[in-house]
């Protein structure tokens, strides 16, 4: 990990929420099925955006129901609190970029005990910015923070998180509890848990 100390020392950290700051509970094929999607790999938000407005509204409402139900079943990911404590102690800026809504993100953070680490303004969901992997959300956060991609890390568990970091020019950290690490070309660092990042930061001191 010592070769990654230049990444771990960066002052702006943007996190995905579900599966990154939380333990993974989302069964995306089941969610797609509940929304009436026939392609088990299709992008949910893109699919909803393709529907006539009235039909899209109904299915968006169903998606929100599902997301609230999932929020009630999750927990903080191992090391999440320790990492956020460490980042805030050293004066880092922290934000969340999620394909969920801001309201559900705040609800989830409250459920898992991490809400106090984030300003609501630094949590961007699908209604505040174009969904990942579009880089608009990162660009908005960095503009608000007066920062640049070279000072920033994007942390996530899925392809879109790594793609959005690459598109915005930030460093990327892939968190994968399965250790499959399916997109090595998009990740500057790969870890099994957030605890590994805290331990690596300690080693560098």
C-alpha atoms as a PDB file:
ATOM      1  CA  UNK A   1       0.000   0.000   0.000  1.00  0.00           C
ATOM      2  CA  UNK A   2       2.952   2.352   0.462  1.00  0.00           C
ATOM      3  CA  UNK A   3       3.009   3.009  -3.284  1.00  0.00           C
ATOM      4  CA  UNK A   4      -0.481   4.485  -2.946  1.00  0.00           C
ATOM      5  CA  UNK A   5       0.278   6.996  -0.200  1.00  0.00           C
ATOM      6  CA  UNK A   6      -0.007   9.885  -2.668  1.00  0.00           C
ATOM      7  CA  UNK A   7      -3.620   8.821  -3.273  1.00  0.00           C
ATOM      8  CA  UNK A   8      -4.449   8.247   0.388  1.00  0.00           C
ATOM      9  CA  UNK A   9      -3.109  11.726   1.241  1.00  0.00           C
ATOM     10  CA  UNK A  10      -5.557  13.531  -1.040  1.00  0.00           C
ATOM     11  CA  UNK A  11      -7.875  16.007   0.654  1.00  0.00           C
ATOM     12  CA  UNK A  12     -11.170  15.389  -1.161  1.00  0.00           C
ATOM     13  CA  UNK A  13     -12.966  12.052  -0.908  1.00  0.00           C
ATOM     14  CA  UNK A  14     -16.165  11.202  -2.765  1.00  0.00           C
ATOM     15  CA  UNK A  15     -17.923   7.967  -1.917  1.00  0.00           C
ATOM     16  CA  UNK A  16     -20.541   5.827  -3.528  1.00  0.00           C
ATOM     17  CA  UNK A  17     -23.119   4.845  -0.903  1.00  0.00           C
ATOM     18  CA  UNK A  18     -24.761   1.450  -1.420  1.00  0.00           C
ATOM     19  CA  UNK A  19     -22.234  -1.376  -1.265  1.00  0.00           C
ATOM     20  CA  UNK A  20     -19.402   1.036  -0.451  1.00  0.00           C
ATOM     21  CA  UNK A  21     -20.293   2.832   2.788  1.00  0.00           C
ATOM     22  CA  UNK A  22     -22.938   0.156   3.420  1.00  0.00           C
ATOM     23  CA  UNK A  23     -22.800  -3.610   3.292  1.00  0.00           C
ATOM     24  CA  UNK A  24     -24.250  -4.746  -0.048  1.00  0.00           C
ATOM     25  CA  UNK A  25     -27.926  -5.722   0.069  1.00  0.00           C
ATOM     26  CA  UNK A  26     -29.097  -4.786  -3.414  1.00  0.00           C
ATOM     27  CA  UNK A  27     -30.202  -7.648  -5.674  1.00  0.00           C
ATOM     28  CA  UNK A  28     -30.268  -5.733  -8.937  1.00  0.00           C
ATOM     29  CA  UNK A  29     -31.748  -8.506 -11.105  1.00  0.00           C
ATOM     30  CA  UNK A  30     -34.626  -8.754  -8.605  1.00  0.00           C
ATOM     31  CA  UNK A  31     -35.079  -4.978  -8.660  1.00  0.00           C
ATOM     32  CA  UNK A  32     -35.191  -4.993 -12.458  1.00  0.00           C
ATOM     33  CA  UNK A  33     -37.763  -7.772 -12.373  1.00  0.00           C
ATOM     34  CA  UNK A  34     -39.907  -5.845  -9.869  1.00  0.00           C
ATOM     35  CA  UNK A  35     -39.834  -2.868 -12.233  1.00  0.00           C
ATOM     36  CA  UNK A  36     -40.978  -5.000 -15.167  1.00  0.00           C
ATOM     37  CA  UNK A  37     -37.633  -4.971 -16.955  1.00  0.00           C
ATOM     38  CA  UNK A  38     -36.865  -7.941 -19.178  1.00  0.00           C
ATOM     39  CA  UNK A  39     -33.119  -7.329 -19.535  1.00  0.00           C
ATOM     40  CA  UNK A  40     -31.473  -8.485 -16.309  1.00  0.00           C
ATOM     41  CA  UNK A  41     -28.358  -6.387 -17.020  1.00  0.00           C
ATOM     42  CA  UNK A  42     -29.954  -3.139 -18.237  1.00  0.00           C
ATOM     43  CA  UNK A  43     -29.251   0.230 -16.613  1.00  0.00           C
ATOM     44  CA  UNK A  44     -32.298   0.883 -14.402  1.00  0.00           C
ATOM     45  CA  UNK A  45     -32.224   4.677 -14.565  1.00  0.00           C
ATOM     46  CA  UNK A  46     -31.685   4.689 -18.322  1.00  0.00           C
ATOM     47  CA  UNK A  47     -34.600   2.296 -18.733  1.00  0.00           C
ATOM     48  CA  UNK A  48     -36.900   4.506 -16.649  1.00  0.00           C
ATOM     49  CA  UNK A  49     -35.822   7.580 -18.593  1.00  0.00           C
ATOM     50  CA  UNK A  50     -36.862   5.856 -21.826  1.00  0.00           C
ATOM     51  CA  UNK A  51     -40.478   5.368 -20.712  1.00  0.00           C
ATOM     52  CA  UNK A  52     -43.451   7.677 -21.345  1.00  0.00           C
ATOM     53  CA  UNK A  53     -43.735  10.160 -18.440  1.00  0.00           C
ATOM     54  CA  UNK A  54     -46.805   8.633 -16.799  1.00  0.00           C
ATOM     55  CA  UNK A  55     -45.386   5.110 -16.879  1.00  0.00           C
ATOM     56  CA  UNK A  56     -41.977   6.336 -15.728  1.00  0.00           C
ATOM     57  CA  UNK A  57     -43.560   8.075 -12.732  1.00  0.00           C
ATOM     58  CA  UNK A  58     -45.269   4.872 -11.609  1.00  0.00           C
ATOM     59  CA  UNK A  59     -42.104   2.820 -11.873  1.00  0.00           C
ATOM     60  CA  UNK A  60     -39.988   5.544 -10.219  1.00  0.00           C
ATOM     61  CA  UNK A  61     -42.392   5.425  -7.289  1.00  0.00           C
ATOM     62  CA  UNK A  62     -41.962   1.652  -7.100  1.00  0.00           C
ATOM     63  CA  UNK A  63     -38.180   2.026  -7.243  1.00  0.00           C
ATOM     64  CA  UNK A  64     -38.253   4.454  -4.325  1.00  0.00           C
ATOM     65  CA  UNK A  65     -40.350   1.980  -2.314  1.00  0.00           C
ATOM     66  CA  UNK A  66     -37.753  -0.713  -2.991  1.00  0.00           C
ATOM     67  CA  UNK A  67     -34.881   1.592  -2.087  1.00  0.00           C
ATOM     68  CA  UNK A  68     -36.434   2.563   1.246  1.00  0.00           C
ATOM     69  CA  UNK A  69     -37.029  -1.102   2.049  1.00  0.00           C
ATOM     70  CA  UNK A  70     -33.396  -1.935   1.282  1.00  0.00           C
ATOM     71  CA  UNK A  71     -32.169   0.991   3.383  1.00  0.00           C
ATOM     72  CA  UNK A  72     -33.881  -0.544   6.377  1.00  0.00           C
ATOM     73  CA  UNK A  73     -31.950  -3.802   5.938  1.00  0.00           C
ATOM     74  CA  UNK A  74     -28.406  -2.547   5.511  1.00  0.00           C
ATOM     75  CA  UNK A  75     -25.593  -1.623   7.887  1.00  0.00           C
ATOM     76  CA  UNK A  76     -22.383   0.381   7.779  1.00  0.00           C
ATOM     77  CA  UNK A  77     -19.586  -1.277   5.854  1.00  0.00           C
ATOM     78  CA  UNK A  78     -16.618  -2.507   7.897  1.00  0.00           C
ATOM     79  CA  UNK A  79     -14.248   0.381   8.496  1.00  0.00           C
ATOM     80  CA  UNK A  80     -16.582   3.108   7.214  1.00  0.00           C
ATOM     81  CA  UNK A  81     -16.759   5.019  10.498  1.00  0.00           C
ATOM     82  CA  UNK A  82     -13.036   4.648  11.157  1.00  0.00           C
ATOM     83  CA  UNK A  83     -12.175   5.936   7.696  1.00  0.00           C
ATOM     84  CA  UNK A  84     -14.503   8.913   7.902  1.00  0.00           C
ATOM     85  CA  UNK A  85     -13.227   9.760  11.389  1.00  0.00           C
ATOM     86  CA  UNK A  86      -9.676   9.751  10.127  1.00  0.00           C
ATOM     87  CA  UNK A  87     -10.438  11.826   7.053  1.00  0.00           C
ATOM     88  CA  UNK A  88     -12.323  14.478   8.996  1.00  0.00           C
ATOM     89  CA  UNK A  89      -9.650  14.670  11.691  1.00  0.00           C
ATOM     90  CA  UNK A  90      -7.122  15.655   9.066  1.00  0.00           C
ATOM     91  CA  UNK A  91      -9.480  18.221   7.509  1.00  0.00           C
ATOM     92  CA  UNK A  92     -10.497  16.345   4.376  1.00  0.00           C
ATOM     93  CA  UNK A  93     -13.695  17.141   2.507  1.00  0.00           C
ATOM     94  CA  UNK A  94     -16.069  14.199   2.143  1.00  0.00           C
ATOM     95  CA  UNK A  95     -19.093  13.787  -0.093  1.00  0.00           C
ATOM     96  CA  UNK A  96     -21.365  11.161  -1.574  1.00  0.00           C
ATOM     97  CA  UNK A  97     -22.304  10.635  -5.211  1.00  0.00           C
ATOM     98  CA  UNK A  98     -25.105   8.098  -5.540  1.00  0.00           C
ATOM     99  CA  UNK A  99     -27.549   6.956  -8.194  1.00  0.00           C
ATOM    100  CA  UNK A 100     -30.111   6.893  -5.391  1.00  0.00           C
ATOM    101  CA  UNK A 101     -32.025  10.019  -4.325  1.00  0.00           C
ATOM    102  CA  UNK A 102     -30.549  12.421  -1.801  1.00  0.00           C
ATOM    103  CA  UNK A 103     -33.503  11.807   0.514  1.00  0.00           C
ATOM    104  CA  UNK A 104     -32.976   8.049   0.541  1.00  0.00           C
ATOM    105  CA  UNK A 105     -29.229   8.556   0.949  1.00  0.00           C
ATOM    106  CA  UNK A 106     -29.853  10.691   4.045  1.00  0.00           C
ATOM    107  CA  UNK A 107     -32.294   8.090   5.353  1.00  0.00           C
ATOM    108  CA  UNK A 108     -29.745   5.317   4.764  1.00  0.00           C
ATOM    109  CA  UNK A 109     -26.971   7.262   6.482  1.00  0.00           C
ATOM    110  CA  UNK A 110     -29.246   7.781   9.471  1.00  0.00           C
ATOM    111  CA  UNK A 111     -30.022   4.072   9.575  1.00  0.00           C
ATOM    112  CA  UNK A 112     -26.352   3.090   9.608  1.00  0.00           C
ATOM    113  CA  UNK A 113     -25.090   5.803  11.943  1.00  0.00           C
ATOM    114  CA  UNK A 114     -23.023   7.787   9.434  1.00  0.00           C
ATOM    115  CA  UNK A 115     -25.270  10.799   8.803  1.00  0.00           C
ATOM    116  CA  UNK A 116     -23.239  13.117  11.015  1.00  0.00           C
ATOM    117  CA  UNK A 117     -20.186  12.845   8.792  1.00  0.00           C
ATOM    118  CA  UNK A 118     -21.776  14.510   5.770  1.00  0.00           C
ATOM    119  CA  UNK A 119     -23.329  17.852   4.954  1.00  0.00           C
ATOM    120  CA  UNK A 120     -26.576  17.391   3.023  1.00  0.00           C
ATOM    121  CA  UNK A 121     -25.216  19.753   0.365  1.00  0.00           C
ATOM    122  CA  UNK A 122     -22.314  17.353  -0.210  1.00  0.00           C
ATOM    123  CA  UNK A 123     -24.637  14.426  -0.970  1.00  0.00           C
ATOM    124  CA  UNK A 124     -25.636  14.353  -4.626  1.00  0.00           C
ATOM    125  CA  UNK A 125     -28.217  11.927  -5.947  1.00  0.00           C
ATOM    126  CA  UNK A 126     -29.858  11.317  -9.280  1.00  0.00           C
ATOM    127  CA  UNK A 127     -31.987  14.467  -8.998  1.00  0.00           C
ATOM    128  CA  UNK A 128     -29.057  16.797  -8.275  1.00  0.00           C
ATOM    129  CA  UNK A 129     -26.655  15.640 -10.997  1.00  0.00           C
ATOM    130  CA  UNK A 130     -26.592  13.437 -14.066  1.00  0.00           C
ATOM    131  CA  UNK A 131     -26.312   9.824 -12.847  1.00  0.00           C
ATOM    132  CA  UNK A 132     -22.935   8.125 -12.750  1.00  0.00           C
ATOM    133  CA  UNK A 133     -20.910   7.460 -14.835  1.00  0.00           C
ATOM    134  CA  UNK A 134     -21.498  11.046 -16.017  1.00  0.00           C
ATOM    135  CA  UNK A 135     -18.925  13.225 -14.215  1.00  0.00           C
ATOM    136  CA  UNK A 136     -21.264  16.142 -13.489  1.00  0.00           C
ATOM    137  CA  UNK A 137     -21.694  15.199  -9.825  1.00  0.00           C
ATOM    138  CA  UNK A 138     -17.959  15.143  -9.126  1.00  0.00           C
ATOM    139  CA  UNK A 139     -17.525  18.405 -10.993  1.00  0.00           C
ATOM    140  CA  UNK A 140     -20.267  20.020  -8.895  1.00  0.00           C
ATOM    141  CA  UNK A 141     -18.716  18.888  -5.622  1.00  0.00           C
ATOM    142  CA  UNK A 142     -15.231  20.031  -6.594  1.00  0.00           C
ATOM    143  CA  UNK A 143     -16.556  23.395  -7.703  1.00  0.00           C
ATOM    144  CA  UNK A 144     -18.320  23.839  -4.356  1.00  0.00           C
ATOM    145  CA  UNK A 145     -15.183  22.789  -2.479  1.00  0.00           C
ATOM    146  CA  UNK A 146     -12.818  24.913  -4.550  1.00  0.00           C
ATOM    147  CA  UNK A 147     -10.822  21.820  -5.439  1.00  0.00           C
ATOM    148  CA  UNK A 148      -9.560  19.945  -8.486  1.00  0.00           C
ATOM    149  CA  UNK A 149      -9.512  16.305  -9.655  1.00  0.00           C
ATOM    150  CA  UNK A 150      -5.824  15.928  -8.772  1.00  0.00           C
ATOM    151  CA  UNK A 151      -6.704  16.386  -5.095  1.00  0.00           C
ATOM    152  CA  UNK A 152      -9.622  13.962  -5.197  1.00  0.00           C
ATOM    153  CA  UNK A 153     -10.412  10.273  -4.717  1.00  0.00           C
ATOM    154  CA  UNK A 154     -13.574   8.490  -5.906  1.00  0.00           C
ATOM    155  CA  UNK A 155     -14.348   5.359  -3.873  1.00  0.00           C
ATOM    156  CA  UNK A 156     -16.886   2.779  -4.988  1.00  0.00           C
ATOM    157  CA  UNK A 157     -17.798  -0.851  -5.406  1.00  0.00           C
ATOM    158  CA  UNK A 158     -19.120  -0.881  -8.974  1.00  0.00           C
ATOM    159  CA  UNK A 159     -18.162  -0.120 -12.559  1.00  0.00           C
ATOM    160  CA  UNK A 160     -20.014   3.207 -12.675  1.00  0.00           C
ATOM    161  CA  UNK A 161     -18.045   4.489  -9.664  1.00  0.00           C
ATOM    162  CA  UNK A 162     -14.735   3.762 -11.330  1.00  0.00           C
ATOM    163  CA  UNK A 163     -15.893   5.109 -14.683  1.00  0.00           C
ATOM    164  CA  UNK A 164     -17.094   8.371 -13.169  1.00  0.00           C
ATOM    165  CA  UNK A 165     -13.769   8.870 -11.421  1.00  0.00           C
ATOM    166  CA  UNK A 166     -11.889   8.264 -14.636  1.00  0.00           C
ATOM    167  CA  UNK A 167     -14.210  10.604 -16.551  1.00  0.00           C
ATOM    168  CA  UNK A 168     -13.675  13.365 -13.981  1.00  0.00           C
ATOM    169  CA  UNK A 169      -9.916  12.785 -13.725  1.00  0.00           C
ATOM    170  CA  UNK A 170      -9.803  11.719 -10.057  1.00  0.00           C
ATOM    171  CA  UNK A 171      -8.003   8.792  -8.492  1.00  0.00           C
ATOM    172  CA  UNK A 172     -10.210   5.714  -8.086  1.00  0.00           C
ATOM    173  CA  UNK A 173     -10.420   3.115  -5.336  1.00  0.00           C
ATOM    174  CA  UNK A 174     -12.373  -0.087  -5.904  1.00  0.00           C
ATOM    175  CA  UNK A 175     -13.852  -1.726  -2.796  1.00  0.00           C
ATOM    176  CA  UNK A 176     -14.844  -5.338  -3.450  1.00  0.00           C
ATOM    177  CA  UNK A 177     -15.525  -7.740  -0.587  1.00  0.00           C
ATOM    178  CA  UNK A 178     -15.440 -10.644  -3.030  1.00  0.00           C
ATOM    179  CA  UNK A 179     -11.928  -9.680  -4.200  1.00  0.00           C
ATOM    180  CA  UNK A 180     -12.972 -10.306  -7.811  1.00  0.00           C
ATOM    181  CA  UNK A 181     -11.802  -6.808  -8.866  1.00  0.00           C
ATOM    182  CA  UNK A 182     -13.418  -7.040 -12.280  1.00  0.00           C
ATOM    183  CA  UNK A 183     -12.214  -3.692 -13.664  1.00  0.00           C
ATOM    184  CA  UNK A 184      -8.498  -3.401 -12.794  1.00  0.00           C
ATOM    185  CA  UNK A 185      -7.845  -1.001 -15.657  1.00  0.00           C
ATOM    186  CA  UNK A 186     -10.168   1.553 -14.022  1.00  0.00           C
ATOM    187  CA  UNK A 187      -8.894   1.306 -10.444  1.00  0.00           C
ATOM    188  CA  UNK A 188      -5.797   2.987  -9.021  1.00  0.00           C
ATOM    189  CA  UNK A 189      -6.248   0.983  -5.817  1.00  0.00           C
ATOM    190  CA  UNK A 190      -8.269  -2.123  -4.978  1.00  0.00           C
ATOM    191  CA  UNK A 191      -9.205  -3.159  -1.434  1.00  0.00           C
ATOM    192  CA  UNK A 192     -11.450  -5.737   0.148  1.00  0.00           C
ATOM    193  CA  UNK A 193     -12.733  -3.380   2.873  1.00  0.00           C
ATOM    194  CA  UNK A 194     -12.514   0.260   3.897  1.00  0.00           C
ATOM    195  CA  UNK A 195     -10.560  -0.910   6.945  1.00  0.00           C
ATOM    196  CA  UNK A 196      -7.648  -1.614   4.619  1.00  0.00           C
ATOM    197  CA  UNK A 197      -7.545   2.064   3.683  1.00  0.00           C
ATOM    198  CA  UNK A 198      -7.397   3.141   7.331  1.00  0.00           C
ATOM    199  CA  UNK A 199      -4.621   0.663   8.028  1.00  0.00           C
ATOM    200  CA  UNK A 200      -2.688   1.829   4.984  1.00  0.00           C
ATOM    201  CA  UNK A 201      -2.981   5.449   6.107  1.00  0.00           C
ATOM    202  CA  UNK A 202      -1.593   4.467   9.517  1.00  0.00           C
ATOM    203  CA  UNK A 203       1.328   2.650   7.912  1.00  0.00           C
ATOM    204  CA  UNK A 204       2.241   5.797   6.006  1.00  0.00           C
ATOM    205  CA  UNK A 205       2.619   7.950   9.100  1.00  0.00           C
END
